[in-house]
Amino acid sequence: LLDLTGTLDYLTSTSGGPAVVSEG
């Protein structure tokens, strides 16, 4: 869903920073 809606990068990155790796 995040990928399809184009929100993956926004919801998984820090403000102005690199993507946050999901620790899952």
PDBML (XML) file of the C-alpha atoms, coordinates in Angstrom:
<?xml version="1.0" encoding="UTF-8" ?>
<PDBx:datablock datablockName="MODEL"
   xmlns:PDBx="http://pdbml.pdb.org/schema/pdbx-v50.xsd"
   xmlns:xsi="http://www.w3.org/2001/XMLSchema-instance"
   xsi:schemaLocation="http://pdbml.pdb.org/schema/pdbx-v50.xsd pdbx-v50.xsd">
   <PDBx:atom_siteCategory>
      <PDBx:atom_site id="1">
         <PDBx:B_iso_or_equiv>0.00</PDBx:B_iso_or_equiv>
         <PDBx:Cartn_x>0.000</PDBx:Cartn_x>
         <PDBx:Cartn_y>0.000</PDBx:Cartn_y>
         <PDBx:Cartn_z>0.000</PDBx:Cartn_z>
         <PDBx:auth_asym_id>A</PDBx:auth_asym_id>
         <PDBx:auth_atom_id>CA</PDBx:auth_atom_id>
         <PDBx:auth_comp_id>LEU</PDBx:auth_comp_id>
         <PDBx:auth_seq_id>1</PDBx:auth_seq_id>
         <PDBx:group_PDB>ATOM</PDBx:group_PDB>
         <PDBx:label_alt_id xsi:nil="true" />
         <PDBx:label_asym_id>A</PDBx:label_asym_id>
         <PDBx:label_atom_id>CA</PDBx:label_atom_id>
         <PDBx:label_comp_id>LEU</PDBx:label_comp_id>
         <PDBx:label_entity_id>1</PDBx:label_entity_id>
         <PDBx:label_seq_id>1</PDBx:label_seq_id>
         <PDBx:occupancy>1.00</PDBx:occupancy>
         <PDBx:pdbx_PDB_model_num>1</PDBx:pdbx_PDB_model_num>
         <PDBx:type_symbol>C</PDBx:type_symbol>
      </PDBx:atom_site>
      <PDBx:atom_site id="2">
         <PDBx:B_iso_or_equiv>0.00</PDBx:B_iso_or_equiv>
         <PDBx:Cartn_x>2.799</PDBx:Cartn_x>
         <PDBx:Cartn_y>2.419</PDBx:Cartn_y>
         <PDBx:Cartn_z>0.855</PDBx:Cartn_z>
         <PDBx:auth_asym_id>A</PDBx:auth_asym_id>
         <PDBx:auth_atom_id>CA</PDBx:auth_atom_id>
         <PDBx:auth_comp_id>LEU</PDBx:auth_comp_id>
         <PDBx:auth_seq_id>2</PDBx:auth_seq_id>
         <PDBx:group_PDB>ATOM</PDBx:group_PDB>
         <PDBx:label_alt_id xsi:nil="true" />
         <PDBx:label_asym_id>A</PDBx:label_asym_id>
         <PDBx:label_atom_id>CA</PDBx:label_atom_id>
         <PDBx:label_comp_id>LEU</PDBx:label_comp_id>
         <PDBx:label_entity_id>1</PDBx:label_entity_id>
         <PDBx:label_seq_id>2</PDBx:label_seq_id>
         <PDBx:occupancy>1.00</PDBx:occupancy>
         <PDBx:pdbx_PDB_model_num>1</PDBx:pdbx_PDB_model_num>
         <PDBx:type_symbol>C</PDBx:type_symbol>
      </PDBx:atom_site>
      <PDBx:atom_site id="3">
         <PDBx:B_iso_or_equiv>0.00</PDBx:B_iso_or_equiv>
         <PDBx:Cartn_x>4.581</PDBx:Cartn_x>
         <PDBx:Cartn_y>1.598</PDBx:Cartn_y>
         <PDBx:Cartn_z>-2.399</PDBx:Cartn_z>
         <PDBx:auth_asym_id>A</PDBx:auth_asym_id>
         <PDBx:auth_atom_id>CA</PDBx:auth_atom_id>
         <PDBx:auth_comp_id>ASP</PDBx:auth_comp_id>
         <PDBx:auth_seq_id>3</PDBx:auth_seq_id>
         <PDBx:group_PDB>ATOM</PDBx:group_PDB>
         <PDBx:label_alt_id xsi:nil="true" />
         <PDBx:label_asym_id>A</PDBx:label_asym_id>
         <PDBx:label_atom_id>CA</PDBx:label_atom_id>
         <PDBx:label_comp_id>ASP</PDBx:label_comp_id>
         <PDBx:label_entity_id>1</PDBx:label_entity_id>
         <PDBx:label_seq_id>3</PDBx:label_seq_id>
         <PDBx:occupancy>1.00</PDBx:occupancy>
         <PDBx:pdbx_PDB_model_num>1</PDBx:pdbx_PDB_model_num>
         <PDBx:type_symbol>C</PDBx:type_symbol>
      </PDBx:atom_site>
      <PDBx:atom_site id="4">
         <PDBx:B_iso_or_equiv>0.00</PDBx:B_iso_or_equiv>
         <PDBx:Cartn_x>1.420</PDBx:Cartn_x>
         <PDBx:Cartn_y>1.818</PDBx:Cartn_y>
         <PDBx:Cartn_z>-4.520</PDBx:Cartn_z>
         <PDBx:auth_asym_id>A</PDBx:auth_asym_id>
         <PDBx:auth_atom_id>CA</PDBx:auth_atom_id>
         <PDBx:auth_comp_id>LEU</PDBx:auth_comp_id>
         <PDBx:auth_seq_id>4</PDBx:auth_seq_id>
         <PDBx:group_PDB>ATOM</PDBx:group_PDB>
         <PDBx:label_alt_id xsi:nil="true" />
         <PDBx:label_asym_id>A</PDBx:label_asym_id>
         <PDBx:label_atom_id>CA</PDBx:label_atom_id>
         <PDBx:label_comp_id>LEU</PDBx:label_comp_id>
         <PDBx:label_entity_id>1</PDBx:label_entity_id>
         <PDBx:label_seq_id>4</PDBx:label_seq_id>
         <PDBx:occupancy>1.00</PDBx:occupancy>
         <PDBx:pdbx_PDB_model_num>1</PDBx:pdbx_PDB_model_num>
         <PDBx:type_symbol>C</PDBx:type_symbol>
      </PDBx:atom_site>
      <PDBx:atom_site id="5">
         <PDBx:B_iso_or_equiv>0.00</PDBx:B_iso_or_equiv>
         <PDBx:Cartn_x>0.416</PDBx:Cartn_x>
         <PDBx:Cartn_y>5.181</PDBx:Cartn_y>
         <PDBx:Cartn_z>-3.070</PDBx:Cartn_z>
         <PDBx:auth_asym_id>A</PDBx:auth_asym_id>
         <PDBx:auth_atom_id>CA</PDBx:auth_atom_id>
         <PDBx:auth_comp_id>THR</PDBx:auth_comp_id>
         <PDBx:auth_seq_id>5</PDBx:auth_seq_id>
         <PDBx:group_PDB>ATOM</PDBx:group_PDB>
         <PDBx:label_alt_id xsi:nil="true" />
         <PDBx:label_asym_id>A</PDBx:label_asym_id>
         <PDBx:label_atom_id>CA</PDBx:label_atom_id>
         <PDBx:label_comp_id>THR</PDBx:label_comp_id>
         <PDBx:label_entity_id>1</PDBx:label_entity_id>
         <PDBx:label_seq_id>5</PDBx:label_seq_id>
         <PDBx:occupancy>1.00</PDBx:occupancy>
         <PDBx:pdbx_PDB_model_num>1</PDBx:pdbx_PDB_model_num>
         <PDBx:type_symbol>C</PDBx:type_symbol>
      </PDBx:atom_site>
      <PDBx:atom_site id="6">
         <PDBx:B_iso_or_equiv>0.00</PDBx:B_iso_or_equiv>
         <PDBx:Cartn_x>3.896</PDBx:Cartn_x>
         <PDBx:Cartn_y>6.694</PDBx:Cartn_y>
         <PDBx:Cartn_z>-3.275</PDBx:Cartn_z>
         <PDBx:auth_asym_id>A</PDBx:auth_asym_id>
         <PDBx:auth_atom_id>CA</PDBx:auth_atom_id>
         <PDBx:auth_comp_id>GLY</PDBx:auth_comp_id>
         <PDBx:auth_seq_id>6</PDBx:auth_seq_id>
         <PDBx:group_PDB>ATOM</PDBx:group_PDB>
         <PDBx:label_alt_id xsi:nil="true" />
         <PDBx:label_asym_id>A</PDBx:label_asym_id>
         <PDBx:label_atom_id>CA</PDBx:label_atom_id>
         <PDBx:label_comp_id>GLY</PDBx:label_comp_id>
         <PDBx:label_entity_id>1</PDBx:label_entity_id>
         <PDBx:label_seq_id>6</PDBx:label_seq_id>
         <PDBx:occupancy>1.00</PDBx:occupancy>
         <PDBx:pdbx_PDB_model_num>1</PDBx:pdbx_PDB_model_num>
         <PDBx:type_symbol>C</PDBx:type_symbol>
      </PDBx:atom_site>
      <PDBx:atom_site id="7">
         <PDBx:B_iso_or_equiv>0.00</PDBx:B_iso_or_equiv>
         <PDBx:Cartn_x>4.057</PDBx:Cartn_x>
         <PDBx:Cartn_y>7.177</PDBx:Cartn_y>
         <PDBx:Cartn_z>0.500</PDBx:Cartn_z>
         <PDBx:auth_asym_id>A</PDBx:auth_asym_id>
         <PDBx:auth_atom_id>CA</PDBx:auth_atom_id>
         <PDBx:auth_comp_id>THR</PDBx:auth_comp_id>
         <PDBx:auth_seq_id>7</PDBx:auth_seq_id>
         <PDBx:group_PDB>ATOM</PDBx:group_PDB>
         <PDBx:label_alt_id xsi:nil="true" />
         <PDBx:label_asym_id>A</PDBx:label_asym_id>
         <PDBx:label_atom_id>CA</PDBx:label_atom_id>
         <PDBx:label_comp_id>THR</PDBx:label_comp_id>
         <PDBx:label_entity_id>1</PDBx:label_entity_id>
         <PDBx:label_seq_id>7</PDBx:label_seq_id>
         <PDBx:occupancy>1.00</PDBx:occupancy>
         <PDBx:pdbx_PDB_model_num>1</PDBx:pdbx_PDB_model_num>
         <PDBx:type_symbol>C</PDBx:type_symbol>
      </PDBx:atom_site>
      <PDBx:atom_site id="8">
         <PDBx:B_iso_or_equiv>0.00</PDBx:B_iso_or_equiv>
         <PDBx:Cartn_x>6.709</PDBx:Cartn_x>
         <PDBx:Cartn_y>4.564</PDBx:Cartn_y>
         <PDBx:Cartn_z>1.312</PDBx:Cartn_z>
         <PDBx:auth_asym_id>A</PDBx:auth_asym_id>
         <PDBx:auth_atom_id>CA</PDBx:auth_atom_id>
         <PDBx:auth_comp_id>LEU</PDBx:auth_comp_id>
         <PDBx:auth_seq_id>8</PDBx:auth_seq_id>
         <PDBx:group_PDB>ATOM</PDBx:group_PDB>
         <PDBx:label_alt_id xsi:nil="true" />
         <PDBx:label_asym_id>A</PDBx:label_asym_id>
         <PDBx:label_atom_id>CA</PDBx:label_atom_id>
         <PDBx:label_comp_id>LEU</PDBx:label_comp_id>
         <PDBx:label_entity_id>1</PDBx:label_entity_id>
         <PDBx:label_seq_id>8</PDBx:label_seq_id>
         <PDBx:occupancy>1.00</PDBx:occupancy>
         <PDBx:pdbx_PDB_model_num>1</PDBx:pdbx_PDB_model_num>
         <PDBx:type_symbol>C</PDBx:type_symbol>
      </PDBx:atom_site>
      <PDBx:atom_site id="9">
         <PDBx:B_iso_or_equiv>0.00</PDBx:B_iso_or_equiv>
         <PDBx:Cartn_x>9.658</PDBx:Cartn_x>
         <PDBx:Cartn_y>6.964</PDBx:Cartn_y>
         <PDBx:Cartn_z>1.233</PDBx:Cartn_z>
         <PDBx:auth_asym_id>A</PDBx:auth_asym_id>
         <PDBx:auth_atom_id>CA</PDBx:auth_atom_id>
         <PDBx:auth_comp_id>ASP</PDBx:auth_comp_id>
         <PDBx:auth_seq_id>9</PDBx:auth_seq_id>
         <PDBx:group_PDB>ATOM</PDBx:group_PDB>
         <PDBx:label_alt_id xsi:nil="true" />
         <PDBx:label_asym_id>A</PDBx:label_asym_id>
         <PDBx:label_atom_id>CA</PDBx:label_atom_id>
         <PDBx:label_comp_id>ASP</PDBx:label_comp_id>
         <PDBx:label_entity_id>1</PDBx:label_entity_id>
         <PDBx:label_seq_id>9</PDBx:label_seq_id>
         <PDBx:occupancy>1.00</PDBx:occupancy>
         <PDBx:pdbx_PDB_model_num>1</PDBx:pdbx_PDB_model_num>
         <PDBx:type_symbol>C</PDBx:type_symbol>
      </PDBx:atom_site>
      <PDBx:atom_site id="10">
         <PDBx:B_iso_or_equiv>0.00</PDBx:B_iso_or_equiv>
         <PDBx:Cartn_x>7.782</PDBx:Cartn_x>
         <PDBx:Cartn_y>9.677</PDBx:Cartn_y>
         <PDBx:Cartn_z>3.127</PDBx:Cartn_z>
         <PDBx:auth_asym_id>A</PDBx:auth_asym_id>
         <PDBx:auth_atom_id>CA</PDBx:auth_atom_id>
         <PDBx:auth_comp_id>TYR</PDBx:auth_comp_id>
         <PDBx:auth_seq_id>10</PDBx:auth_seq_id>
         <PDBx:group_PDB>ATOM</PDBx:group_PDB>
         <PDBx:label_alt_id xsi:nil="true" />
         <PDBx:label_asym_id>A</PDBx:label_asym_id>
         <PDBx:label_atom_id>CA</PDBx:label_atom_id>
         <PDBx:label_comp_id>TYR</PDBx:label_comp_id>
         <PDBx:label_entity_id>1</PDBx:label_entity_id>
         <PDBx:label_seq_id>10</PDBx:label_seq_id>
         <PDBx:occupancy>1.00</PDBx:occupancy>
         <PDBx:pdbx_PDB_model_num>1</PDBx:pdbx_PDB_model_num>
         <PDBx:type_symbol>C</PDBx:type_symbol>
      </PDBx:atom_site>
      <PDBx:atom_site id="11">
         <PDBx:B_iso_or_equiv>0.00</PDBx:B_iso_or_equiv>
         <PDBx:Cartn_x>6.627</PDBx:Cartn_x>
         <PDBx:Cartn_y>7.374</PDBx:Cartn_y>
         <PDBx:Cartn_z>5.908</PDBx:Cartn_z>
         <PDBx:auth_asym_id>A</PDBx:auth_asym_id>
         <PDBx:auth_atom_id>CA</PDBx:auth_atom_id>
         <PDBx:auth_comp_id>LEU</PDBx:auth_comp_id>
         <PDBx:auth_seq_id>11</PDBx:auth_seq_id>
         <PDBx:group_PDB>ATOM</PDBx:group_PDB>
         <PDBx:label_alt_id xsi:nil="true" />
         <PDBx:label_asym_id>A</PDBx:label_asym_id>
         <PDBx:label_atom_id>CA</PDBx:label_atom_id>
         <PDBx:label_comp_id>LEU</PDBx:label_comp_id>
         <PDBx:label_entity_id>1</PDBx:label_entity_id>
         <PDBx:label_seq_id>11</PDBx:label_seq_id>
         <PDBx:occupancy>1.00</PDBx:occupancy>
         <PDBx:pdbx_PDB_model_num>1</PDBx:pdbx_PDB_model_num>
         <PDBx:type_symbol>C</PDBx:type_symbol>
      </PDBx:atom_site>
      <PDBx:atom_site id="12">
         <PDBx:B_iso_or_equiv>0.00</PDBx:B_iso_or_equiv>
         <PDBx:Cartn_x>9.901</PDBx:Cartn_x>
         <PDBx:Cartn_y>5.473</PDBx:Cartn_y>
         <PDBx:Cartn_z>6.231</PDBx:Cartn_z>
         <PDBx:auth_asym_id>A</PDBx:auth_asym_id>
         <PDBx:auth_atom_id>CA</PDBx:auth_atom_id>
         <PDBx:auth_comp_id>THR</PDBx:auth_comp_id>
         <PDBx:auth_seq_id>12</PDBx:auth_seq_id>
         <PDBx:group_PDB>ATOM</PDBx:group_PDB>
         <PDBx:label_alt_id xsi:nil="true" />
         <PDBx:label_asym_id>A</PDBx:label_asym_id>
         <PDBx:label_atom_id>CA</PDBx:label_atom_id>
         <PDBx:label_comp_id>THR</PDBx:label_comp_id>
         <PDBx:label_entity_id>1</PDBx:label_entity_id>
         <PDBx:label_seq_id>12</PDBx:label_seq_id>
         <PDBx:occupancy>1.00</PDBx:occupancy>
         <PDBx:pdbx_PDB_model_num>1</PDBx:pdbx_PDB_model_num>
         <PDBx:type_symbol>C</PDBx:type_symbol>
      </PDBx:atom_site>
      <PDBx:atom_site id="13">
         <PDBx:B_iso_or_equiv>0.00</PDBx:B_iso_or_equiv>
         <PDBx:Cartn_x>12.421</PDBx:Cartn_x>
         <PDBx:Cartn_y>8.306</PDBx:Cartn_y>
         <PDBx:Cartn_z>6.104</PDBx:Cartn_z>
         <PDBx:auth_asym_id>A</PDBx:auth_asym_id>
         <PDBx:auth_atom_id>CA</PDBx:auth_atom_id>
         <PDBx:auth_comp_id>SER</PDBx:auth_comp_id>
         <PDBx:auth_seq_id>13</PDBx:auth_seq_id>
         <PDBx:group_PDB>ATOM</PDBx:group_PDB>
         <PDBx:label_alt_id xsi:nil="true" />
         <PDBx:label_asym_id>A</PDBx:label_asym_id>
         <PDBx:label_atom_id>CA</PDBx:label_atom_id>
         <PDBx:label_comp_id>SER</PDBx:label_comp_id>
         <PDBx:label_entity_id>1</PDBx:label_entity_id>
         <PDBx:label_seq_id>13</PDBx:label_seq_id>
         <PDBx:occupancy>1.00</PDBx:occupancy>
         <PDBx:pdbx_PDB_model_num>1</PDBx:pdbx_PDB_model_num>
         <PDBx:type_symbol>C</PDBx:type_symbol>
      </PDBx:atom_site>
      <PDBx:atom_site id="14">
         <PDBx:B_iso_or_equiv>0.00</PDBx:B_iso_or_equiv>
         <PDBx:Cartn_x>13.350</PDBx:Cartn_x>
         <PDBx:Cartn_y>10.907</PDBx:Cartn_y>
         <PDBx:Cartn_z>8.660</PDBx:Cartn_z>
         <PDBx:auth_asym_id>A</PDBx:auth_asym_id>
         <PDBx:auth_atom_id>CA</PDBx:auth_atom_id>
         <PDBx:auth_comp_id>THR</PDBx:auth_comp_id>
         <PDBx:auth_seq_id>14</PDBx:auth_seq_id>
         <PDBx:group_PDB>ATOM</PDBx:group_PDB>
         <PDBx:label_alt_id xsi:nil="true" />
         <PDBx:label_asym_id>A</PDBx:label_asym_id>
         <PDBx:label_atom_id>CA</PDBx:label_atom_id>
         <PDBx:label_comp_id>THR</PDBx:label_comp_id>
         <PDBx:label_entity_id>1</PDBx:label_entity_id>
         <PDBx:label_seq_id>14</PDBx:label_seq_id>
         <PDBx:occupancy>1.00</PDBx:occupancy>
         <PDBx:pdbx_PDB_model_num>1</PDBx:pdbx_PDB_model_num>
         <PDBx:type_symbol>C</PDBx:type_symbol>
      </PDBx:atom_site>
      <PDBx:atom_site id="15">
         <PDBx:B_iso_or_equiv>0.00</PDBx:B_iso_or_equiv>
         <PDBx:Cartn_x>12.832</PDBx:Cartn_x>
         <PDBx:Cartn_y>14.596</PDBx:Cartn_y>
         <PDBx:Cartn_z>7.942</PDBx:Cartn_z>
         <PDBx:auth_asym_id>A</PDBx:auth_asym_id>
         <PDBx:auth_atom_id>CA</PDBx:auth_atom_id>
         <PDBx:auth_comp_id>SER</PDBx:auth_comp_id>
         <PDBx:auth_seq_id>15</PDBx:auth_seq_id>
         <PDBx:group_PDB>ATOM</PDBx:group_PDB>
         <PDBx:label_alt_id xsi:nil="true" />
         <PDBx:label_asym_id>A</PDBx:label_asym_id>
         <PDBx:label_atom_id>CA</PDBx:label_atom_id>
         <PDBx:label_comp_id>SER</PDBx:label_comp_id>
         <PDBx:label_entity_id>1</PDBx:label_entity_id>
         <PDBx:label_seq_id>15</PDBx:label_seq_id>
         <PDBx:occupancy>1.00</PDBx:occupancy>
         <PDBx:pdbx_PDB_model_num>1</PDBx:pdbx_PDB_model_num>
         <PDBx:type_symbol>C</PDBx:type_symbol>
      </PDBx:atom_site>
      <PDBx:atom_site id="16">
         <PDBx:B_iso_or_equiv>0.00</PDBx:B_iso_or_equiv>
         <PDBx:Cartn_x>15.551</PDBx:Cartn_x>
         <PDBx:Cartn_y>15.593</PDBx:Cartn_y>
         <PDBx:Cartn_z>5.562</PDBx:Cartn_z>
         <PDBx:auth_asym_id>A</PDBx:auth_asym_id>
         <PDBx:auth_atom_id>CA</PDBx:auth_atom_id>
         <PDBx:auth_comp_id>GLY</PDBx:auth_comp_id>
         <PDBx:auth_seq_id>16</PDBx:auth_seq_id>
         <PDBx:group_PDB>ATOM</PDBx:group_PDB>
         <PDBx:label_alt_id xsi:nil="true" />
         <PDBx:label_asym_id>A</PDBx:label_asym_id>
         <PDBx:label_atom_id>CA</PDBx:label_atom_id>
         <PDBx:label_comp_id>GLY</PDBx:label_comp_id>
         <PDBx:label_entity_id>1</PDBx:label_entity_id>
         <PDBx:label_seq_id>16</PDBx:label_seq_id>
         <PDBx:occupancy>1.00</PDBx:occupancy>
         <PDBx:pdbx_PDB_model_num>1</PDBx:pdbx_PDB_model_num>
         <PDBx:type_symbol>C</PDBx:type_symbol>
      </PDBx:atom_site>
      <PDBx:atom_site id="17">
         <PDBx:B_iso_or_equiv>0.00</PDBx:B_iso_or_equiv>
         <PDBx:Cartn_x>17.405</PDBx:Cartn_x>
         <PDBx:Cartn_y>12.366</PDBx:Cartn_y>
         <PDBx:Cartn_z>6.246</PDBx:Cartn_z>
         <PDBx:auth_asym_id>A</PDBx:auth_asym_id>
         <PDBx:auth_atom_id>CA</PDBx:auth_atom_id>
         <PDBx:auth_comp_id>GLY</PDBx:auth_comp_id>
         <PDBx:auth_seq_id>17</PDBx:auth_seq_id>
         <PDBx:group_PDB>ATOM</PDBx:group_PDB>
         <PDBx:label_alt_id xsi:nil="true" />
         <PDBx:label_asym_id>A</PDBx:label_asym_id>
         <PDBx:label_atom_id>CA</PDBx:label_atom_id>
         <PDBx:label_comp_id>GLY</PDBx:label_comp_id>
         <PDBx:label_entity_id>1</PDBx:label_entity_id>
         <PDBx:label_seq_id>17</PDBx:label_seq_id>
         <PDBx:occupancy>1.00</PDBx:occupancy>
         <PDBx:pdbx_PDB_model_num>1</PDBx:pdbx_PDB_model_num>
         <PDBx:type_symbol>C</PDBx:type_symbol>
      </PDBx:atom_site>
      <PDBx:atom_site id="18">
         <PDBx:B_iso_or_equiv>0.00</PDBx:B_iso_or_equiv>
         <PDBx:Cartn_x>17.953</PDBx:Cartn_x>
         <PDBx:Cartn_y>8.979</PDBx:Cartn_y>
         <PDBx:Cartn_z>4.669</PDBx:Cartn_z>
         <PDBx:auth_asym_id>A</PDBx:auth_asym_id>
         <PDBx:auth_atom_id>CA</PDBx:auth_atom_id>
         <PDBx:auth_comp_id>PRO</PDBx:auth_comp_id>
         <PDBx:auth_seq_id>18</PDBx:auth_seq_id>
         <PDBx:group_PDB>ATOM</PDBx:group_PDB>
         <PDBx:label_alt_id xsi:nil="true" />
         <PDBx:label_asym_id>A</PDBx:label_asym_id>
         <PDBx:label_atom_id>CA</PDBx:label_atom_id>
         <PDBx:label_comp_id>PRO</PDBx:label_comp_id>
         <PDBx:label_entity_id>1</PDBx:label_entity_id>
         <PDBx:label_seq_id>18</PDBx:label_seq_id>
         <PDBx:occupancy>1.00</PDBx:occupancy>
         <PDBx:pdbx_PDB_model_num>1</PDBx:pdbx_PDB_model_num>
         <PDBx:type_symbol>C</PDBx:type_symbol>
      </PDBx:atom_site>
      <PDBx:atom_site id="19">
         <PDBx:B_iso_or_equiv>0.00</PDBx:B_iso_or_equiv>
         <PDBx:Cartn_x>15.346</PDBx:Cartn_x>
         <PDBx:Cartn_y>6.244</PDBx:Cartn_y>
         <PDBx:Cartn_z>4.692</PDBx:Cartn_z>
         <PDBx:auth_asym_id>A</PDBx:auth_asym_id>
         <PDBx:auth_atom_id>CA</PDBx:auth_atom_id>
         <PDBx:auth_comp_id>ALA</PDBx:auth_comp_id>
         <PDBx:auth_seq_id>19</PDBx:auth_seq_id>
         <PDBx:group_PDB>ATOM</PDBx:group_PDB>
         <PDBx:label_alt_id xsi:nil="true" />
         <PDBx:label_asym_id>A</PDBx:label_asym_id>
         <PDBx:label_atom_id>CA</PDBx:label_atom_id>
         <PDBx:label_comp_id>ALA</PDBx:label_comp_id>
         <PDBx:label_entity_id>1</PDBx:label_entity_id>
         <PDBx:label_seq_id>19</PDBx:label_seq_id>
         <PDBx:occupancy>1.00</PDBx:occupancy>
         <PDBx:pdbx_PDB_model_num>1</PDBx:pdbx_PDB_model_num>
         <PDBx:type_symbol>C</PDBx:type_symbol>
      </PDBx:atom_site>
      <PDBx:atom_site id="20">
         <PDBx:B_iso_or_equiv>0.00</PDBx:B_iso_or_equiv>
         <PDBx:Cartn_x>14.816</PDBx:Cartn_x>
         <PDBx:Cartn_y>4.514</PDBx:Cartn_y>
         <PDBx:Cartn_z>8.009</PDBx:Cartn_z>
         <PDBx:auth_asym_id>A</PDBx:auth_asym_id>
         <PDBx:auth_atom_id>CA</PDBx:auth_atom_id>
         <PDBx:auth_comp_id>VAL</PDBx:auth_comp_id>
         <PDBx:auth_seq_id>20</PDBx:auth_seq_id>
         <PDBx:group_PDB>ATOM</PDBx:group_PDB>
         <PDBx:label_alt_id xsi:nil="true" />
         <PDBx:label_asym_id>A</PDBx:label_asym_id>
         <PDBx:label_atom_id>CA</PDBx:label_atom_id>
         <PDBx:label_comp_id>VAL</PDBx:label_comp_id>
         <PDBx:label_entity_id>1</PDBx:label_entity_id>
         <PDBx:label_seq_id>20</PDBx:label_seq_id>
         <PDBx:occupancy>1.00</PDBx:occupancy>
         <PDBx:pdbx_PDB_model_num>1</PDBx:pdbx_PDB_model_num>
         <PDBx:type_symbol>C</PDBx:type_symbol>
      </PDBx:atom_site>
      <PDBx:atom_site id="21">
         <PDBx:B_iso_or_equiv>0.00</PDBx:B_iso_or_equiv>
         <PDBx:Cartn_x>15.293</PDBx:Cartn_x>
         <PDBx:Cartn_y>0.776</PDBx:Cartn_y>
         <PDBx:Cartn_z>7.752</PDBx:Cartn_z>
         <PDBx:auth_asym_id>A</PDBx:auth_asym_id>
         <PDBx:auth_atom_id>CA</PDBx:auth_atom_id>
         <PDBx:auth_comp_id>VAL</PDBx:auth_comp_id>
         <PDBx:auth_seq_id>21</PDBx:auth_seq_id>
         <PDBx:group_PDB>ATOM</PDBx:group_PDB>
         <PDBx:label_alt_id xsi:nil="true" />
         <PDBx:label_asym_id>A</PDBx:label_asym_id>
         <PDBx:label_atom_id>CA</PDBx:label_atom_id>
         <PDBx:label_comp_id>VAL</PDBx:label_comp_id>
         <PDBx:label_entity_id>1</PDBx:label_entity_id>
         <PDBx:label_seq_id>21</PDBx:label_seq_id>
         <PDBx:occupancy>1.00</PDBx:occupancy>
         <PDBx:pdbx_PDB_model_num>1</PDBx:pdbx_PDB_model_num>
         <PDBx:type_symbol>C</PDBx:type_symbol>
      </PDBx:atom_site>
      <PDBx:atom_site id="22">
         <PDBx:B_iso_or_equiv>0.00</PDBx:B_iso_or_equiv>
         <PDBx:Cartn_x>12.402</PDBx:Cartn_x>
         <PDBx:Cartn_y>-1.157</PDBx:Cartn_y>
         <PDBx:Cartn_z>9.211</PDBx:Cartn_z>
         <PDBx:auth_asym_id>A</PDBx:auth_asym_id>
         <PDBx:auth_atom_id>CA</PDBx:auth_atom_id>
         <PDBx:auth_comp_id>SER</PDBx:auth_comp_id>
         <PDBx:auth_seq_id>22</PDBx:auth_seq_id>
         <PDBx:group_PDB>ATOM</PDBx:group_PDB>
         <PDBx:label_alt_id xsi:nil="true" />
         <PDBx:label_asym_id>A</PDBx:label_asym_id>
         <PDBx:label_atom_id>CA</PDBx:label_atom_id>
         <PDBx:label_comp_id>SER</PDBx:label_comp_id>
         <PDBx:label_entity_id>1</PDBx:label_entity_id>
         <PDBx:label_seq_id>22</PDBx:label_seq_id>
         <PDBx:occupancy>1.00</PDBx:occupancy>
         <PDBx:pdbx_PDB_model_num>1</PDBx:pdbx_PDB_model_num>
         <PDBx:type_symbol>C</PDBx:type_symbol>
      </PDBx:atom_site>
      <PDBx:atom_site id="23">
         <PDBx:B_iso_or_equiv>0.00</PDBx:B_iso_or_equiv>
         <PDBx:Cartn_x>13.801</PDBx:Cartn_x>
         <PDBx:Cartn_y>-3.258</PDBx:Cartn_y>
         <PDBx:Cartn_z>11.995</PDBx:Cartn_z>
         <PDBx:auth_asym_id>A</PDBx:auth_asym_id>
         <PDBx:auth_atom_id>CA</PDBx:auth_atom_id>
         <PDBx:auth_comp_id>GLU</PDBx:auth_comp_id>
         <PDBx:auth_seq_id>23</PDBx:auth_seq_id>
         <PDBx:group_PDB>ATOM</PDBx:group_PDB>
         <PDBx:label_alt_id xsi:nil="true" />
         <PDBx:label_asym_id>A</PDBx:label_asym_id>
         <PDBx:label_atom_id>CA</PDBx:label_atom_id>
         <PDBx:label_comp_id>GLU</PDBx:label_comp_id>
         <PDBx:label_entity_id>1</PDBx:label_entity_id>
         <PDBx:label_seq_id>23</PDBx:label_seq_id>
         <PDBx:occupancy>1.00</PDBx:occupancy>
         <PDBx:pdbx_PDB_model_num>1</PDBx:pdbx_PDB_model_num>
         <PDBx:type_symbol>C</PDBx:type_symbol>
      </PDBx:atom_site>
      <PDBx:atom_site id="24">
         <PDBx:B_iso_or_equiv>0.00</PDBx:B_iso_or_equiv>
         <PDBx:Cartn_x>11.413</PDBx:Cartn_x>
         <PDBx:Cartn_y>-6.054</PDBx:Cartn_y>
         <PDBx:Cartn_z>11.249</PDBx:Cartn_z>
         <PDBx:auth_asym_id>A</PDBx:auth_asym_id>
         <PDBx:auth_atom_id>CA</PDBx:auth_atom_id>
         <PDBx:auth_comp_id>GLY</PDBx:auth_comp_id>
         <PDBx:auth_seq_id>24</PDBx:auth_seq_id>
         <PDBx:group_PDB>ATOM</PDBx:group_PDB>
         <PDBx:label_alt_id xsi:nil="true" />
         <PDBx:label_asym_id>A</PDBx:label_asym_id>
         <PDBx:label_atom_id>CA</PDBx:label_atom_id>
         <PDBx:label_comp_id>GLY</PDBx:label_comp_id>
         <PDBx:label_entity_id>1</PDBx:label_entity_id>
         <PDBx:label_seq_id>24</PDBx:label_seq_id>
         <PDBx:occupancy>1.00</PDBx:occupancy>
         <PDBx:pdbx_PDB_model_num>1</PDBx:pdbx_PDB_model_num>
         <PDBx:type_symbol>C</PDBx:type_symbol>
      </PDBx:atom_site>
   </PDBx:atom_siteCategory>
</PDBx:datablock>
